[in-house]
């Protein structure tokens, strides 16, 4: 239905029409009384006079009021960006249902696109290349199979690894340990850690042989160590104040003044979906916030808002993967693994940096 009372909302909508803001497509349509036509905000047709414009929440409302859709911008159909996102979602479903890896050319053909444009669009929507997405999906399947107690050989086969050599080349790096160690809960994997204090409170930095695997925030050293033990229940945890002091100093510097780039190698372990979300989070500039809904839309899964929140909660790398920059649709703060007060503190720090 048309919003007849909210002048502020209508002024905002008119600004979107004037600037042809494609981000507003799907949020509302505008109708022109003198032509009887309604359009999407980004329509490239000549702008009408403001006094002749009415706003509607959706095409159905405009049609019910007697307006017909513009033939140029086709507001009663999916927006071009949504159409492209739908193709990528379709490609993801094809990948998920295929027992074997698919080439870039084969995937592009299945969604009727050229390989070049498909590759570029897939990465812009998902945050990973098609090849990286397939590898992440195989890793997720492998994790699931191993966690259920399946043998390493069977788990590798079911996950889609084509040969033993391919499996041993890729799985070790993807899991952060050998498949057999992962199946045993990370048994005998060495993880060094340091506990200290910074302006955010107590912190713990942990490192595997592949890179920083955990950055935790809290109120006591004991609680942080207990959390690390829960994350890596069978690993060999080594308190090491001297072994990687330089790296810890870099982490602390980043925690206290977050920037857009973190130089140290990371050992990021998560499902394919979690890695999608974390990649999208790392693209949010310091000092800015994005809603859970927007993150879900950016990864091509607009209905997965709760799953996005779950991926944020599963993040082990505080600040480096900046889940503190995700807020509710109305801009208010939601939960944070390391406390809402600490989330506000981080946002205040970043806001201050932008003013400098």
Protein backbone atom coordinates (compact mmCIF):
# COMPACT_ATOMS: atom_id res chain seq x y z
CA UNK A 1 0.00 0.00 0.00
CA UNK A 2 1.05 3.58 -0.57
CA UNK A 3 2.51 5.38 2.39
CA UNK A 4 0.52 8.66 2.56
CA UNK A 5 1.65 9.88 5.97
CA UNK A 6 5.39 9.36 6.20
CA UNK A 7 6.75 12.48 4.49
CA UNK A 8 10.30 11.72 5.57
CA UNK A 9 10.13 8.31 3.93
CA UNK A 10 8.74 9.83 0.71
CA UNK A 11 11.49 12.45 0.65
CA UNK A 12 14.06 9.68 0.99
CA UNK A 13 12.41 7.74 -1.81
CA UNK A 14 12.37 10.77 -4.08
CA UNK A 15 16.09 11.27 -3.48
CA UNK A 16 16.65 7.64 -4.54
CA UNK A 17 14.64 8.31 -7.71
CA UNK A 18 16.55 11.51 -8.48
CA UNK A 19 19.90 9.72 -8.11
CA UNK A 20 18.65 6.53 -9.82
CA UNK A 21 19.90 4.55 -6.83
CA UNK A 22 19.82 0.86 -7.80
CA UNK A 23 20.16 -0.08 -4.12
CA UNK A 24 16.55 1.05 -3.66
CA UNK A 25 15.26 -1.31 -6.35
CA UNK A 26 12.93 -3.79 -4.72
CA UNK A 27 12.28 -1.45 -1.76
CA UNK A 28 9.51 0.52 -3.51
CA UNK A 29 8.23 1.69 -6.91
CA UNK A 30 7.13 5.15 -7.99
CA UNK A 31 4.18 5.96 -10.24
CA UNK A 32 3.62 9.00 -12.46
CA UNK A 33 0.07 10.34 -12.43
CA UNK A 34 0.35 12.04 -15.81
CA UNK A 35 1.48 8.92 -17.70
CA UNK A 36 -0.16 6.15 -15.70
CA UNK A 37 3.17 4.28 -15.54
CA UNK A 38 5.16 3.02 -12.54
CA UNK A 39 8.93 2.43 -12.45
CA UNK A 40 11.72 1.13 -10.27
CA UNK A 41 13.93 3.83 -8.60
CA UNK A 42 16.87 3.25 -10.96
CA UNK A 43 14.82 3.69 -14.15
CA UNK A 44 16.77 5.66 -16.74
CA UNK A 45 13.70 7.38 -18.20
CA UNK A 46 13.40 11.16 -17.90
CA UNK A 47 12.46 12.25 -14.38
CA UNK A 48 8.86 13.40 -13.84
CA UNK A 49 7.87 16.38 -11.74
CA UNK A 50 7.82 15.60 -8.03
CA UNK A 51 4.19 16.73 -7.70
CA UNK A 52 3.11 14.04 -10.17
CA UNK A 53 4.77 11.16 -8.32
CA UNK A 54 3.20 8.61 -5.98
CA UNK A 55 5.11 5.91 -4.09
CA UNK A 56 4.06 2.30 -3.52
CA UNK A 57 5.66 -0.43 -1.47
CA UNK A 58 5.55 -2.93 -4.34
CA UNK A 59 4.36 -3.39 -7.96
CA UNK A 60 1.15 -5.06 -6.80
CA UNK A 61 0.06 -1.89 -5.00
CA UNK A 62 0.79 0.25 -8.06
CA UNK A 63 -1.17 -2.09 -10.33
CA UNK A 64 -4.13 -2.10 -7.97
CA UNK A 65 -4.14 1.69 -8.14
CA UNK A 66 -4.45 1.49 -11.92
CA UNK A 67 -0.84 2.05 -13.01
CA UNK A 68 0.96 -0.12 -15.57
CA UNK A 69 4.65 -1.19 -15.49
CA UNK A 70 7.32 0.70 -17.39
CA UNK A 71 8.54 -1.25 -20.42
CA UNK A 72 12.06 0.11 -20.02
CA UNK A 73 12.88 -0.84 -16.40
CA UNK A 74 10.26 -3.64 -15.98
CA UNK A 75 9.57 -2.95 -12.29
CA UNK A 76 7.21 -5.92 -11.99
CA UNK A 77 10.13 -8.29 -12.59
CA UNK A 78 13.26 -9.02 -10.59
CA UNK A 79 15.78 -6.19 -10.62
CA UNK A 80 18.82 -6.84 -12.84
CA UNK A 81 21.06 -7.28 -9.79
CA UNK A 82 18.59 -9.75 -8.30
CA UNK A 83 18.39 -11.64 -11.58
CA UNK A 84 22.17 -11.98 -11.67
CA UNK A 85 22.20 -13.08 -8.03
CA UNK A 86 19.57 -15.71 -8.83
CA UNK A 87 21.87 -17.15 -11.49
CA UNK A 88 24.69 -17.44 -8.98
CA UNK A 89 22.38 -19.08 -6.44
CA UNK A 90 21.38 -21.52 -9.17
CA UNK A 91 25.07 -22.22 -9.86
CA UNK A 92 25.69 -22.89 -6.15
CA UNK A 93 22.85 -25.43 -6.14
CA UNK A 94 24.33 -27.11 -9.21
CA UNK A 95 27.70 -27.35 -7.45
CA UNK A 96 26.12 -28.71 -4.26
CA UNK A 97 24.22 -31.42 -6.13
CA UNK A 98 27.14 -32.51 -8.33
CA UNK A 99 29.14 -35.53 -7.10
CA UNK A 100 32.16 -34.36 -9.12
CA UNK A 101 33.95 -31.00 -9.41
CA UNK A 102 32.75 -28.86 -12.31
CA UNK A 103 34.90 -26.71 -14.58
CA UNK A 104 34.33 -22.99 -14.92
CA UNK A 105 33.17 -23.50 -18.50
CA UNK A 106 30.67 -26.21 -17.54
CA UNK A 107 29.18 -24.11 -14.73
CA UNK A 108 28.91 -20.99 -16.90
CA UNK A 109 27.15 -22.96 -19.62
CA UNK A 110 24.62 -24.35 -17.13
CA UNK A 111 23.50 -20.81 -16.23
CA UNK A 112 23.80 -19.44 -19.79
CA UNK A 113 26.71 -17.05 -19.21
CA UNK A 114 30.17 -16.60 -20.63
CA UNK A 115 32.94 -18.02 -18.40
CA UNK A 116 34.52 -14.57 -17.95
CA UNK A 117 31.33 -12.82 -16.81
CA UNK A 118 30.25 -15.79 -14.73
CA UNK A 119 33.58 -15.87 -12.86
CA UNK A 120 33.47 -12.13 -12.15
CA UNK A 121 29.81 -12.17 -11.08
CA UNK A 122 30.23 -15.29 -8.91
CA UNK A 123 33.08 -13.70 -6.97
CA UNK A 124 31.21 -10.39 -6.54
CA UNK A 125 28.12 -12.15 -5.15
CA UNK A 126 29.67 -15.00 -3.14
CA UNK A 127 33.01 -13.49 -2.18
CA UNK A 128 34.91 -16.55 -3.46
CA UNK A 129 35.78 -17.78 -6.94
CA UNK A 130 33.82 -20.79 -8.25
CA UNK A 131 36.89 -22.98 -7.72
CA UNK A 132 37.41 -21.74 -4.15
CA UNK A 133 33.72 -22.25 -3.41
CA UNK A 134 33.90 -25.86 -4.62
CA UNK A 135 36.96 -26.49 -2.49
CA UNK A 136 35.25 -24.96 0.55
CA UNK A 137 32.19 -27.11 -0.07
CA UNK A 138 34.32 -30.27 -0.31
CA UNK A 139 36.03 -29.32 2.94
CA UNK A 140 32.66 -28.86 4.65
CA UNK A 141 31.51 -32.30 3.46
CA UNK A 142 34.80 -33.80 4.61
CA UNK A 143 34.44 -32.20 8.06
CA UNK A 144 30.89 -33.53 8.38
CA UNK A 145 31.90 -37.06 7.40
CA UNK A 146 34.93 -37.14 9.70
CA UNK A 147 32.94 -35.67 12.60
CA UNK A 148 30.42 -38.51 12.18
CA UNK A 149 33.21 -41.06 12.59
CA UNK A 150 33.51 -42.05 8.92
CA UNK A 151 36.82 -43.52 7.80
CA UNK A 152 39.25 -41.11 6.14
CA UNK A 153 39.09 -42.97 2.81
CA UNK A 154 35.29 -43.05 2.70
CA UNK A 155 35.01 -39.42 3.87
CA UNK A 156 37.40 -38.27 1.11
CA UNK A 157 35.46 -40.19 -1.53
CA UNK A 158 32.06 -38.92 -0.36
CA UNK A 159 33.33 -35.35 -0.22
CA UNK A 160 34.20 -35.48 -3.93
CA UNK A 161 37.99 -35.77 -3.92
CA UNK A 162 38.93 -37.38 -7.20
CA UNK A 163 42.13 -39.11 -6.13
CA UNK A 164 44.25 -39.85 -3.10
CA UNK A 165 46.93 -37.40 -4.22
CA UNK A 166 44.40 -34.59 -4.66
CA UNK A 167 42.95 -35.34 -1.24
CA UNK A 168 46.29 -35.22 0.58
CA UNK A 169 47.34 -32.07 -1.29
CA UNK A 170 44.21 -30.11 -0.38
CA UNK A 171 42.59 -31.60 2.72
CA UNK A 172 45.51 -31.06 5.08
CA UNK A 173 45.64 -27.32 4.40
CA UNK A 174 41.85 -26.99 4.40
CA UNK A 175 41.35 -28.74 7.74
CA UNK A 176 44.33 -27.15 9.46
CA UNK A 177 45.63 -30.63 10.34
CA UNK A 178 45.68 -34.10 8.82
CA UNK A 179 42.29 -35.69 8.20
CA UNK A 180 43.06 -38.39 10.76
CA UNK A 181 43.91 -35.77 13.40
CA UNK A 182 40.71 -33.88 12.60
CA UNK A 183 38.68 -37.09 12.94
CA UNK A 184 40.24 -37.52 16.39
CA UNK A 185 39.33 -33.97 17.46
CA UNK A 186 42.65 -32.33 16.66
CA UNK A 187 44.60 -34.80 18.75
CA UNK A 188 48.33 -34.02 19.05
CA UNK A 189 48.07 -30.79 17.03
CA UNK A 190 50.29 -28.16 18.67
CA UNK A 191 48.69 -24.78 19.32
CA UNK A 192 50.69 -22.04 21.00
CA UNK A 193 48.86 -19.28 22.82
CA UNK A 194 49.46 -16.11 24.78
CA UNK A 195 47.11 -14.35 27.20
CA UNK A 196 47.41 -10.65 27.94
CA UNK A 197 45.55 -7.39 28.42
CA UNK A 198 44.76 -4.50 26.08
CA UNK A 199 42.24 -1.64 26.05
CA UNK A 200 39.48 -4.13 25.14
CA UNK A 201 40.18 -6.19 28.25
CA UNK A 202 41.81 -9.61 28.46
CA UNK A 203 42.76 -11.26 25.16
CA UNK A 204 44.08 -14.61 23.99
CA UNK A 205 45.96 -15.14 20.73
CA UNK A 206 46.53 -18.70 19.52
CA UNK A 207 48.62 -19.94 16.63
CA UNK A 208 48.79 -23.26 14.80
CA UNK A 209 51.58 -24.14 12.41
CA UNK A 210 49.53 -22.51 9.62
CA UNK A 211 48.78 -19.16 11.24
CA UNK A 212 46.66 -17.34 13.80
CA UNK A 213 43.77 -19.69 14.58
CA UNK A 214 42.03 -17.86 17.43
CA UNK A 215 41.78 -14.32 18.79
CA UNK A 216 39.50 -14.33 21.83
CA UNK A 217 38.37 -11.48 24.09
CA UNK A 218 37.11 -11.74 27.66
CA UNK A 219 37.33 -10.68 31.25
CA UNK A 220 39.69 -13.29 32.74
CA UNK A 221 42.61 -15.33 31.51
CA UNK A 222 41.07 -18.47 32.99
CA UNK A 223 37.86 -18.07 30.98
CA UNK A 224 39.78 -17.47 27.76
CA UNK A 225 41.95 -20.56 28.23
CA UNK A 226 38.83 -22.62 28.97
CA UNK A 227 37.29 -21.32 25.73
CA UNK A 228 40.41 -22.29 23.77
CA UNK A 229 40.29 -25.79 25.28
CA UNK A 230 36.66 -26.08 24.11
CA UNK A 231 37.55 -24.99 20.58
CA UNK A 232 40.49 -27.44 20.31
CA UNK A 233 39.59 -30.23 22.76
CA UNK A 234 42.37 -32.67 21.86
CA UNK A 235 45.10 -30.33 20.69
CA UNK A 236 48.35 -29.90 22.56
CA UNK A 237 48.03 -26.36 23.99
CA UNK A 238 51.32 -24.64 24.77
CA UNK A 239 51.56 -21.37 26.67
CA UNK A 240 54.33 -19.55 24.81
CA UNK A 241 55.09 -15.97 25.80
CA UNK A 242 58.32 -15.79 23.80
CA UNK A 243 57.77 -18.02 20.76
CA UNK A 244 55.65 -15.57 18.77
CA UNK A 245 55.73 -12.36 20.81
CA UNK A 246 56.19 -10.28 17.65
CA UNK A 247 53.02 -11.63 16.11
CA UNK A 248 51.06 -11.10 19.31
CA UNK A 249 52.19 -7.46 19.35
CA UNK A 250 50.85 -7.05 15.81
CA UNK A 251 47.52 -8.59 16.83
CA UNK A 252 47.20 -6.28 19.84
CA UNK A 253 48.00 -3.27 17.67
CA UNK A 254 45.24 -4.33 15.29
CA UNK A 255 42.76 -4.90 18.12
CA UNK A 256 43.33 -1.40 19.47
CA UNK A 257 43.33 0.33 16.07
CA UNK A 258 41.44 -1.86 13.58
CA UNK A 259 42.30 -1.22 9.95
CA UNK A 260 41.18 -2.74 6.68
CA UNK A 261 44.12 -5.10 6.30
CA UNK A 262 45.64 -7.73 8.58
CA UNK A 263 49.10 -8.88 7.50
CA UNK A 264 49.60 -12.09 9.46
CA UNK A 265 48.72 -15.52 8.04
CA UNK A 266 45.43 -16.92 9.32
CA UNK A 267 44.31 -20.47 9.95
CA UNK A 268 40.58 -20.01 9.28
CA UNK A 269 38.53 -23.13 9.87
CA UNK A 270 34.82 -23.14 9.09
CA UNK A 271 32.12 -24.45 6.82
CA UNK A 272 31.71 -23.16 3.27
CA UNK A 273 28.80 -20.98 4.36
CA UNK A 274 30.69 -19.58 7.35
CA UNK A 275 33.64 -18.70 5.14
CA UNK A 276 31.26 -16.90 2.76
CA UNK A 277 29.93 -14.81 5.63
CA UNK A 278 33.39 -14.13 7.07
CA UNK A 279 34.65 -13.04 3.65
CA UNK A 280 31.73 -10.60 3.39
CA UNK A 281 32.47 -9.28 6.89
CA UNK A 282 36.10 -8.59 6.02
CA UNK A 283 34.89 -6.43 3.12
CA UNK A 284 33.13 -3.99 5.51
CA UNK A 285 35.37 -0.92 5.95
CA UNK A 286 36.32 0.12 9.51
CA UNK A 287 33.85 2.60 10.94
CA UNK A 288 30.91 1.28 8.93
CA UNK A 289 28.14 -1.12 9.92
CA UNK A 290 25.95 -3.48 7.89
CA UNK A 291 22.80 -5.37 8.85
CA UNK A 292 22.57 -9.16 9.01
CA UNK A 293 20.02 -8.92 6.19
CA UNK A 294 22.47 -7.06 3.94
CA UNK A 295 25.19 -9.64 4.58
CA UNK A 296 22.73 -12.41 3.66
CA UNK A 297 21.89 -10.55 0.44
CA UNK A 298 25.56 -9.95 -0.40
CA UNK A 299 26.32 -13.66 -0.29
CA UNK A 300 23.29 -14.44 -2.45
CA UNK A 301 21.16 -15.98 0.31
CA UNK A 302 18.67 -13.32 1.43
CA UNK A 303 16.66 -15.81 3.47
CA UNK A 304 19.62 -16.93 5.57
CA UNK A 305 19.64 -14.08 8.10
CA UNK A 306 19.66 -16.39 11.13
CA UNK A 307 22.41 -18.51 9.60
CA UNK A 308 24.46 -15.34 9.06
CA UNK A 309 24.03 -14.50 12.73
CA UNK A 310 25.15 -18.04 13.58
CA UNK A 311 28.27 -17.67 11.44
CA UNK A 312 29.08 -14.41 13.25
CA UNK A 313 28.70 -16.18 16.59
CA UNK A 314 31.03 -18.97 15.43
CA UNK A 315 33.81 -16.53 14.56
CA UNK A 316 37.05 -17.34 16.42
CA UNK A 317 39.04 -14.35 15.18
CA UNK A 318 37.77 -11.28 17.00
CA UNK A 319 38.13 -7.96 15.13
CA UNK A 320 40.17 -9.53 12.30
CA UNK A 321 36.90 -11.02 11.09
CA UNK A 322 34.86 -7.96 12.11
CA UNK A 323 31.51 -9.38 13.20
CA UNK A 324 31.25 -6.35 15.51
CA UNK A 325 30.32 -4.32 12.40
CA UNK A 326 27.05 -6.22 11.92
CA UNK A 327 23.92 -4.67 13.45
CA UNK A 328 20.15 -5.05 13.35
CA UNK A 329 18.14 -3.61 10.44
CA UNK A 330 17.27 -0.54 12.52
CA UNK A 331 20.95 0.10 13.30
CA UNK A 332 20.81 -0.97 16.95
CA UNK A 333 23.38 -3.32 18.41
CA UNK A 334 22.62 -7.02 18.64
CA UNK A 335 24.50 -9.77 20.45
CA UNK A 336 28.25 -10.18 20.23
CA UNK A 337 30.27 -13.24 21.18
CA UNK A 338 32.54 -11.13 23.36
CA UNK A 339 29.89 -8.81 24.84
CA UNK A 340 27.72 -5.97 23.50
CA UNK A 341 29.63 -3.37 25.54
CA UNK A 342 32.86 -4.46 23.87
CA UNK A 343 31.11 -4.30 20.48
CA UNK A 344 30.11 -0.69 21.16
CA UNK A 345 33.65 0.06 22.31
CA UNK A 346 35.09 -1.25 19.04
CA UNK A 347 32.63 0.78 16.97
CA UNK A 348 33.50 3.89 18.98
CA UNK A 349 37.21 3.31 18.36
CA UNK A 350 36.63 2.98 14.64
CA UNK A 351 34.36 6.04 14.52
CA UNK A 352 37.11 8.02 16.24
CA UNK A 353 39.68 6.83 13.71
CA UNK A 354 37.54 8.05 10.83
CA UNK A 355 37.47 11.55 12.32
CA UNK A 356 41.25 11.74 12.67
